């Protein structure tokens, strides 16, 4: 599995609002599209970074205190241990 972190950055004097996606030392920035939801903006940034790096798989995302984290899963989900997660 590969994890991608996405974070929102508000506008400045020189840039509009944007989302930064990062993973394994790679970064990509896209502008916020106000026509779609917050989660879709984050997903679009994660997808663009994954495309740039040639990563393929199923996108699974979740919110954090600082933004979102996305996991690209190439196979079935495997839960480790006996308890539910």
PDB file of N, CA and C in Angstrom:
ATOM      1  N   UNK A   1       0.830  -1.188   0.000  1.00  0.00           N
ATOM      2  CA  UNK A   1       0.000   0.000   0.000  1.00  0.00           C
ATOM      3  C   UNK A   1       0.871   1.247   0.000  1.00  0.00           C
ATOM      4  N   UNK A   2       0.354   2.282  -0.585  1.00  0.00           N
ATOM      5  CA  UNK A   2       1.052   3.556  -0.666  1.00  0.00           C
ATOM      6  C   UNK A   2       0.175   4.627  -0.032  1.00  0.00           C
ATOM      7  N   UNK A   3       0.737   5.455   0.838  1.00  0.00           N
ATOM      8  CA  UNK A   3      -0.026   6.519   1.487  1.00  0.00           C
ATOM      9  C   UNK A   3       0.326   7.870   0.868  1.00  0.00           C
ATOM     10  N   UNK A   4      -0.697   8.660   0.617  1.00  0.00           N
ATOM     11  CA  UNK A   4      -0.550  10.018   0.117  1.00  0.00           C
ATOM     12  C   UNK A   4      -1.249  10.938   1.110  1.00  0.00           C
ATOM     13  N   UNK A   5      -0.565  11.992   1.534  1.00  0.00           N
ATOM     14  CA  UNK A   5      -1.167  12.976   2.434  1.00  0.00           C
ATOM     15  C   UNK A   5      -1.553  14.203   1.618  1.00  0.00           C
ATOM     16  N   UNK A   6      -2.762  14.724   1.857  1.00  0.00           N
ATOM     17  CA  UNK A   6      -3.199  15.952   1.193  1.00  0.00           C
ATOM     18  C   UNK A   6      -3.545  16.994   2.242  1.00  0.00           C
ATOM     19  N   UNK A   7      -3.149  18.239   1.958  1.00  0.00           N
ATOM     20  CA  UNK A   7      -3.418  19.343   2.888  1.00  0.00           C
ATOM     21  C   UNK A   7      -3.919  20.556   2.126  1.00  0.00           C
ATOM     22  N   UNK A   8      -4.872  21.250   2.742  1.00  0.00           N
ATOM     23  CA  UNK A   8      -5.410  22.497   2.194  1.00  0.00           C
ATOM     24  C   UNK A   8      -4.524  23.661   2.618  1.00  0.00           C
ATOM     25  N   UNK A   9      -4.286  24.580   1.680  1.00  0.00           N
ATOM     26  CA  UNK A   9      -3.561  25.818   1.972  1.00  0.00           C
ATOM     27  C   UNK A   9      -4.419  26.975   1.461  1.00  0.00           C
ATOM     28  N   UNK A  10      -4.721  27.900   2.330  1.00  0.00           N
ATOM     29  CA  UNK A  10      -5.543  29.047   1.968  1.00  0.00           C
ATOM     30  C   UNK A  10      -4.816  30.018   1.048  1.00  0.00           C
ATOM     31  N   UNK A  11      -5.561  30.988   0.531  1.00  0.00           N
ATOM     32  CA  UNK A  11      -4.974  31.934  -0.417  1.00  0.00           C
ATOM     33  C   UNK A  11      -3.955  32.859   0.246  1.00  0.00           C
ATOM     34  N   UNK A  12      -3.013  33.316  -0.566  1.00  0.00           N
ATOM     35  CA  UNK A  12      -2.026  34.306  -0.137  1.00  0.00           C
ATOM     36  C   UNK A  12      -2.123  35.493  -1.095  1.00  0.00           C
ATOM     37  N   UNK A  13      -1.216  36.424  -0.975  1.00  0.00           N
ATOM     38  CA  UNK A  13      -1.199  37.566  -1.893  1.00  0.00           C
ATOM     39  C   UNK A  13      -0.830  37.158  -3.318  1.00  0.00           C
ATOM     40  N   UNK A  14      -0.166  36.014  -3.468  1.00  0.00           N
ATOM     41  CA  UNK A  14       0.301  35.594  -4.793  1.00  0.00           C
ATOM     42  C   UNK A  14      -0.337  34.311  -5.313  1.00  0.00           C
ATOM     43  N   UNK A  15      -0.983  33.533  -4.459  1.00  0.00           N
ATOM     44  CA  UNK A  15      -1.575  32.245  -4.857  1.00  0.00           C
ATOM     45  C   UNK A  15      -2.986  32.124  -4.337  1.00  0.00           C
ATOM     46  N   UNK A  16      -3.831  31.460  -5.110  1.00  0.00           N
ATOM     47  CA  UNK A  16      -5.168  31.141  -4.636  1.00  0.00           C
ATOM     48  C   UNK A  16      -5.128  29.916  -3.726  1.00  0.00           C
ATOM     49  N   UNK A  17      -6.276  29.525  -3.191  1.00  0.00           N
ATOM     50  CA  UNK A  17      -6.368  28.323  -2.355  1.00  0.00           C
ATOM     51  C   UNK A  17      -5.919  27.116  -3.166  1.00  0.00           C
ATOM     52  N   UNK A  18      -5.208  26.215  -2.505  1.00  0.00           N
ATOM     53  CA  UNK A  18      -4.712  25.047  -3.211  1.00  0.00           C
ATOM     54  C   UNK A  18      -4.566  23.861  -2.258  1.00  0.00           C
ATOM     55  N   UNK A  19      -4.449  22.692  -2.857  1.00  0.00           N
ATOM     56  CA  UNK A  19      -4.251  21.438  -2.128  1.00  0.00           C
ATOM     57  C   UNK A  19      -2.876  20.908  -2.519  1.00  0.00           C
ATOM     58  N   UNK A  20      -2.084  20.520  -1.511  1.00  0.00           N
ATOM     59  CA  UNK A  20      -0.783  19.917  -1.760  1.00  0.00           C
ATOM     60  C   UNK A  20      -0.875  18.437  -1.409  1.00  0.00           C
ATOM     61  N   UNK A  21      -0.496  17.586  -2.359  1.00  0.00           N
ATOM     62  CA  UNK A  21      -0.426  16.142  -2.130  1.00  0.00           C
ATOM     63  C   UNK A  21       1.041  15.761  -2.027  1.00  0.00           C
ATOM     64  N   UNK A  22       1.373  14.902  -1.055  1.00  0.00           N
ATOM     65  CA  UNK A  22       2.764  14.490  -0.893  1.00  0.00           C
ATOM     66  C   UNK A  22       2.848  13.020  -0.496  1.00  0.00           C
ATOM     67  N   UNK A  23       3.933  12.389  -0.971  1.00  0.00           N
ATOM     68  CA  UNK A  23       4.193  10.987  -0.646  1.00  0.00           C
ATOM     69  C   UNK A  23       5.630  10.663  -1.008  1.00  0.00           C
ATOM     70  N   UNK A  24       6.338  10.038  -0.099  1.00  0.00           N
ATOM     71  CA  UNK A  24       7.695   9.545  -0.362  1.00  0.00           C
ATOM     72  C   UNK A  24       8.603  10.606  -0.969  1.00  0.00           C
ATOM     73  N   UNK A  25       8.528  11.844  -0.493  1.00  0.00           N
ATOM     74  CA  UNK A  25       9.378  12.906  -0.991  1.00  0.00           C
ATOM     75  C   UNK A  25       8.899  13.584  -2.260  1.00  0.00           C
ATOM     76  N   UNK A  26       7.761  13.166  -2.786  1.00  0.00           N
ATOM     77  CA  UNK A  26       7.188  13.766  -3.989  1.00  0.00           C
ATOM     78  C   UNK A  26       6.045  14.693  -3.585  1.00  0.00           C
ATOM     79  N   UNK A  27       5.886  15.801  -4.323  1.00  0.00           N
ATOM     80  CA  UNK A  27       4.810  16.762  -4.028  1.00  0.00           C
ATOM     81  C   UNK A  27       4.149  17.214  -5.324  1.00  0.00           C
ATOM     82  N   UNK A  28       2.870  17.548  -5.189  1.00  0.00           N
ATOM     83  CA  UNK A  28       2.118  18.098  -6.306  1.00  0.00           C
ATOM     84  C   UNK A  28       1.099  19.072  -5.738  1.00  0.00           C
ATOM     85  N   UNK A  29       0.903  20.199  -6.405  1.00  0.00           N
ATOM     86  CA  UNK A  29      -0.048  21.213  -5.958  1.00  0.00           C
ATOM     87  C   UNK A  29      -1.103  21.420  -7.028  1.00  0.00           C
ATOM     88  N   UNK A  30      -2.381  21.447  -6.621  1.00  0.00           N
ATOM     89  CA  UNK A  30      -3.467  21.789  -7.548  1.00  0.00           C
ATOM     90  C   UNK A  30      -4.313  22.891  -6.907  1.00  0.00           C
ATOM     91  N   UNK A  31      -4.901  23.715  -7.754  1.00  0.00           N
ATOM     92  CA  UNK A  31      -5.804  24.746  -7.264  1.00  0.00           C
ATOM     93  C   UNK A  31      -7.118  24.139  -6.798  1.00  0.00           C
ATOM     94  N   UNK A  32      -7.764  24.785  -5.845  1.00  0.00           N
ATOM     95  CA  UNK A  32      -9.053  24.323  -5.337  1.00  0.00           C
ATOM     96  C   UNK A  32     -10.126  24.609  -6.388  1.00  0.00           C
ATOM     97  N   UNK A  33     -10.953  23.601  -6.649  1.00  0.00           N
ATOM     98  CA  UNK A  33     -12.091  23.743  -7.552  1.00  0.00           C
ATOM     99  C   UNK A  33     -13.331  23.940  -6.690  1.00  0.00           C
ATOM    100  N   UNK A  34     -13.868  25.149  -6.657  1.00  0.00           N
ATOM    101  CA  UNK A  34     -15.015  25.447  -5.798  1.00  0.00           C
ATOM    102  C   UNK A  34     -16.309  24.779  -6.244  1.00  0.00           C
ATOM    103  N   UNK A  35     -16.297  24.145  -7.417  1.00  0.00           N
ATOM    104  CA  UNK A  35     -17.492  23.459  -7.917  1.00  0.00           C
ATOM    105  C   UNK A  35     -17.635  22.047  -7.342  1.00  0.00           C
ATOM    106  N   UNK A  36     -16.600  21.560  -6.642  1.00  0.00           N
ATOM    107  CA  UNK A  36     -16.669  20.208  -6.069  1.00  0.00           C
ATOM    108  C   UNK A  36     -16.449  20.279  -4.559  1.00  0.00           C
ATOM    109  N   UNK A  37     -16.706  19.184  -3.882  1.00  0.00           N
ATOM    110  CA  UNK A  37     -16.599  19.137  -2.410  1.00  0.00           C
ATOM    111  C   UNK A  37     -15.147  19.192  -1.947  1.00  0.00           C
ATOM    112  N   UNK A  38     -14.986  19.430  -0.660  1.00  0.00           N
ATOM    113  CA  UNK A  38     -13.651  19.445  -0.044  1.00  0.00           C
ATOM    114  C   UNK A  38     -12.971  18.095  -0.254  1.00  0.00           C
ATOM    115  N   UNK A  39     -13.682  17.008   0.028  1.00  0.00           N
ATOM    116  CA  UNK A  39     -13.107  15.665  -0.124  1.00  0.00           C
ATOM    117  C   UNK A  39     -12.726  15.399  -1.575  1.00  0.00           C
ATOM    118  N   UNK A  40     -13.547  15.851  -2.525  1.00  0.00           N
ATOM    119  CA  UNK A  40     -13.225  15.645  -3.942  1.00  0.00           C
ATOM    120  C   UNK A  40     -11.988  16.427  -4.350  1.00  0.00           C
ATOM    121  N   UNK A  41     -11.798  17.631  -3.814  1.00  0.00           N
ATOM    122  CA  UNK A  41     -10.578  18.387  -4.094  1.00  0.00           C
ATOM    123  C   UNK A  41      -9.352  17.633  -3.595  1.00  0.00           C
ATOM    124  N   UNK A  42      -9.437  17.089  -2.388  1.00  0.00           N
ATOM    125  CA  UNK A  42      -8.319  16.316  -1.839  1.00  0.00           C
ATOM    126  C   UNK A  42      -8.084  15.049  -2.666  1.00  0.00           C
ATOM    127  N   UNK A  43      -9.167  14.366  -3.048  1.00  0.00           N
ATOM    128  CA  UNK A  43      -9.043  13.148  -3.859  1.00  0.00           C
ATOM    129  C   UNK A  43      -8.413  13.463  -5.212  1.00  0.00           C
ATOM    130  N   UNK A  44      -8.800  14.580  -5.811  1.00  0.00           N
ATOM    131  CA  UNK A  44      -8.225  14.956  -7.107  1.00  0.00           C
ATOM    132  C   UNK A  44      -6.727  15.187  -7.003  1.00  0.00           C
ATOM    133  N   UNK A  45      -6.277  15.817  -5.926  1.00  0.00           N
ATOM    134  CA  UNK A  45      -4.838  16.036  -5.730  1.00  0.00           C
ATOM    135  C   UNK A  45      -4.111  14.702  -5.560  1.00  0.00           C
ATOM    136  N   UNK A  46      -4.692  13.797  -4.766  1.00  0.00           N
ATOM    137  CA  UNK A  46      -4.078  12.479  -4.565  1.00  0.00           C
ATOM    138  C   UNK A  46      -4.020  11.706  -5.873  1.00  0.00           C
ATOM    139  N   UNK A  47      -5.087  11.746  -6.657  1.00  0.00           N
ATOM    140  CA  UNK A  47      -5.115  11.050  -7.950  1.00  0.00           C
ATOM    141  C   UNK A  47      -4.066  11.602  -8.898  1.00  0.00           C
ATOM    142  N   UNK A  48      -3.921  12.925  -8.941  1.00  0.00           N
ATOM    143  CA  UNK A  48      -2.933  13.539  -9.832  1.00  0.00           C
ATOM    144  C   UNK A  48      -1.512  13.133  -9.453  1.00  0.00           C
ATOM    145  N   UNK A  49      -1.214  13.112  -8.152  1.00  0.00           N
ATOM    146  CA  UNK A  49       0.120  12.686  -7.726  1.00  0.00           C
ATOM    147  C   UNK A  49       0.344  11.223  -8.076  1.00  0.00           C
ATOM    148  N   UNK A  50      -0.641  10.393  -7.845  1.00  0.00           N
ATOM    149  CA  UNK A  50      -0.517   8.967  -8.170  1.00  0.00           C
ATOM    150  C   UNK A  50      -0.300   8.770  -9.676  1.00  0.00           C
ATOM    151  N   UNK A  51      -1.047   9.509 -10.502  1.00  0.00           N
ATOM    152  CA  UNK A  51      -0.864   9.411 -11.964  1.00  0.00           C
ATOM    153  C   UNK A  51       0.556   9.825 -12.357  1.00  0.00           C
ATOM    154  N   UNK A  52       1.023  10.924 -11.773  1.00  0.00           N
ATOM    155  CA  UNK A  52       2.364  11.434 -12.065  1.00  0.00           C
ATOM    156  C   UNK A  52       3.432  10.385 -11.758  1.00  0.00           C
ATOM    157  N   UNK A  53       3.229   9.640 -10.667  1.00  0.00           N
ATOM    158  CA  UNK A  53       4.199   8.639 -10.238  1.00  0.00           C
ATOM    159  C   UNK A  53       3.947   7.254 -10.832  1.00  0.00           C
ATOM    160  N   UNK A  54       2.876   7.104 -11.603  1.00  0.00           N
ATOM    161  CA  UNK A  54       2.565   5.827 -12.227  1.00  0.00           C
ATOM    162  C   UNK A  54       1.989   4.791 -11.282  1.00  0.00           C
ATOM    163  N   UNK A  55       1.404   5.251 -10.170  1.00  0.00           N
ATOM    164  CA  UNK A  55       0.810   4.347  -9.201  1.00  0.00           C
ATOM    165  C   UNK A  55      -0.622   4.023  -9.608  1.00  0.00           C
ATOM    166  N   UNK A  56      -1.017   2.779  -9.419  1.00  0.00           N
ATOM    167  CA  UNK A  56      -2.379   2.353  -9.744  1.00  0.00           C
ATOM    168  C   UNK A  56      -2.955   1.590  -8.559  1.00  0.00           C
ATOM    169  N   UNK A  57      -4.273   1.643  -8.428  1.00  0.00           N
ATOM    170  CA  UNK A  57      -4.932   0.905  -7.363  1.00  0.00           C
ATOM    171  C   UNK A  57      -6.202   1.607  -6.931  1.00  0.00           C
ATOM    172  N   UNK A  58      -6.821   1.083  -5.920  1.00  0.00           N
ATOM    173  CA  UNK A  58      -8.070   1.623  -5.385  1.00  0.00           C
ATOM    174  C   UNK A  58      -7.767   2.702  -4.359  1.00  0.00           C
ATOM    175  N   UNK A  59      -8.417   3.842  -4.497  1.00  0.00           N
ATOM    176  CA  UNK A  59      -8.197   4.972  -3.600  1.00  0.00           C
ATOM    177  C   UNK A  59      -9.112   4.877  -2.385  1.00  0.00           C
ATOM    178  N   UNK A  60      -8.508   4.916  -1.187  1.00  0.00           N
ATOM    179  CA  UNK A  60      -9.253   4.894   0.068  1.00  0.00           C
ATOM    180  C   UNK A  60      -8.766   6.085   0.885  1.00  0.00           C
ATOM    181  N   UNK A  61      -9.678   6.963   1.319  1.00  0.00           N
ATOM    182  CA  UNK A  61      -9.264   8.178   2.024  1.00  0.00           C
ATOM    183  C   UNK A  61      -9.930   8.344   3.366  1.00  0.00           C
ATOM    184  N   UNK A  62      -9.290   9.146   4.194  1.00  0.00           N
ATOM    185  CA  UNK A  62      -9.846   9.466   5.499  1.00  0.00           C
ATOM    186  C   UNK A  62      -9.319  10.801   5.983  1.00  0.00           C
ATOM    187  N   UNK A  63     -10.120  11.486   6.792  1.00  0.00           N
ATOM    188  CA  UNK A  63      -9.754  12.803   7.312  1.00  0.00           C
ATOM    189  C   UNK A  63      -8.832  12.689   8.517  1.00  0.00           C
ATOM    190  N   UNK A  64      -7.928  13.656   8.635  1.00  0.00           N
ATOM    191  CA  UNK A  64      -7.058  13.795   9.801  1.00  0.00           C
ATOM    192  C   UNK A  64      -7.229  15.214  10.327  1.00  0.00           C
ATOM    193  N   UNK A  65      -6.530  15.557  11.401  1.00  0.00           N
ATOM    194  CA  UNK A  65      -6.584  16.924  11.920  1.00  0.00           C
ATOM    195  C   UNK A  65      -5.950  17.931  10.977  1.00  0.00           C
ATOM    196  N   UNK A  66      -5.039  17.479  10.130  1.00  0.00           N
ATOM    197  CA  UNK A  66      -4.299  18.381   9.249  1.00  0.00           C
ATOM    198  C   UNK A  66      -4.734  18.320   7.787  1.00  0.00           C
ATOM    199  N   UNK A  67      -5.577  17.395   7.418  1.00  0.00           N
ATOM    200  CA  UNK A  67      -5.991  17.243   6.024  1.00  0.00           C
ATOM    201  C   UNK A  67      -6.610  15.881   5.808  1.00  0.00           C
ATOM    202  N   UNK A  68      -6.090  15.154   4.819  1.00  0.00           N
ATOM    203  CA  UNK A  68      -6.572  13.809   4.531  1.00  0.00           C
ATOM    204  C   UNK A  68      -5.392  12.903   4.227  1.00  0.00           C
ATOM    205  N   UNK A  69      -5.603  11.617   4.415  1.00  0.00           N
ATOM    206  CA  UNK A  69      -4.617  10.606   4.045  1.00  0.00           C
ATOM    207  C   UNK A  69      -5.300   9.633   3.110  1.00  0.00           C
ATOM    208  N   UNK A  70      -4.592   9.284   2.053  1.00  0.00           N
ATOM    209  CA  UNK A  70      -5.122   8.397   1.016  1.00  0.00           C
ATOM    210  C   UNK A  70      -4.219   7.192   0.878  1.00  0.00           C
ATOM    211  N   UNK A  71      -4.819   6.026   0.758  1.00  0.00           N
ATOM    212  CA  UNK A  71      -4.076   4.787   0.559  1.00  0.00           C
ATOM    213  C   UNK A  71      -4.496   4.199  -0.774  1.00  0.00           C
ATOM    214  N   UNK A  72      -3.511   3.846  -1.566  1.00  0.00           N
ATOM    215  CA  UNK A  72      -3.753   3.168  -2.839  1.00  0.00           C
ATOM    216  C   UNK A  72      -3.546   1.693  -2.596  1.00  0.00           C
ATOM    217  N   UNK A  73      -4.614   0.914  -2.692  1.00  0.00           N
ATOM    218  CA  UNK A  73      -4.576  -0.508  -2.402  1.00  0.00           C
ATOM    219  C   UNK A  73      -4.639  -1.273  -3.717  1.00  0.00           C
ATOM    220  N   UNK A  74      -3.631  -2.085  -3.980  1.00  0.00           N
ATOM    221  CA  UNK A  74      -3.584  -2.862  -5.218  1.00  0.00           C
ATOM    222  C   UNK A  74      -4.249  -4.230  -5.108  1.00  0.00           C
ATOM    223  N   UNK A  75      -4.704  -4.592  -3.942  1.00  0.00           N
ATOM    224  CA  UNK A  75      -5.277  -5.915  -3.775  1.00  0.00           C
ATOM    225  C   UNK A  75      -6.343  -5.923  -2.711  1.00  0.00           C
ATOM    226  N   UNK A  76      -6.749  -7.095  -2.266  1.00  0.00           N
ATOM    227  CA  UNK A  76      -7.776  -7.176  -1.228  1.00  0.00           C
ATOM    228  C   UNK A  76      -7.276  -6.605   0.093  1.00  0.00           C
ATOM    229  N   UNK A  77      -8.194  -6.065   0.867  1.00  0.00           N
ATOM    230  CA  UNK A  77      -7.854  -5.536   2.181  1.00  0.00           C
ATOM    231  C   UNK A  77      -7.619  -6.713   3.122  1.00  0.00           C
ATOM    232  N   UNK A  78      -6.498  -6.678   3.835  1.00  0.00           N
ATOM    233  CA  UNK A  78      -6.165  -7.742   4.783  1.00  0.00           C
ATOM    234  C   UNK A  78      -6.075  -7.096   6.163  1.00  0.00           C
ATOM    235  N   UNK A  79      -6.877  -7.565   7.090  1.00  0.00           N
ATOM    236  CA  UNK A  79      -6.839  -7.081   8.470  1.00  0.00           C
ATOM    237  C   UNK A  79      -5.905  -7.969   9.271  1.00  0.00           C
ATOM    238  N   UNK A  80      -5.003  -7.348   9.999  1.00  0.00           N
ATOM    239  CA  UNK A  80      -4.059  -8.101  10.803  1.00  0.00           C
ATOM    240  C   UNK A  80      -4.571  -8.257  12.218  1.00  0.00           C
ATOM    241  N   UNK A  81      -4.430  -9.420  12.804  1.00  0.00           N
ATOM    242  CA  UNK A  81      -4.882  -9.677  14.157  1.00  0.00           C
ATOM    243  C   UNK A  81      -6.313 -10.218  14.180  1.00  0.00           C
ATOM    244  N   UNK A  82      -6.789 -10.518  15.380  1.00  0.00           N
ATOM    245  CA  UNK A  82      -8.098 -11.133  15.539  1.00  0.00           C
ATOM    246  C   UNK A  82      -9.214 -10.125  15.768  1.00  0.00           C
ATOM    247  N   UNK A  83      -8.878  -8.912  16.140  1.00  0.00           N
ATOM    248  CA  UNK A  83      -9.930  -7.937  16.482  1.00  0.00           C
ATOM    249  C   UNK A  83     -10.333  -7.101  15.260  1.00  0.00           C
ATOM    250  N   UNK A  84     -11.523  -6.566  15.316  1.00  0.00           N
ATOM    251  CA  UNK A  84     -11.982  -5.674  14.270  1.00  0.00           C
ATOM    252  C   UNK A  84     -11.249  -4.342  14.363  1.00  0.00           C
ATOM    253  N   UNK A  85     -11.028  -3.731  13.236  1.00  0.00           N
ATOM    254  CA  UNK A  85     -10.341  -2.438  13.206  1.00  0.00           C
ATOM    255  C   UNK A  85     -11.363  -1.354  12.932  1.00  0.00           C
TER     256      UNK A  85
END
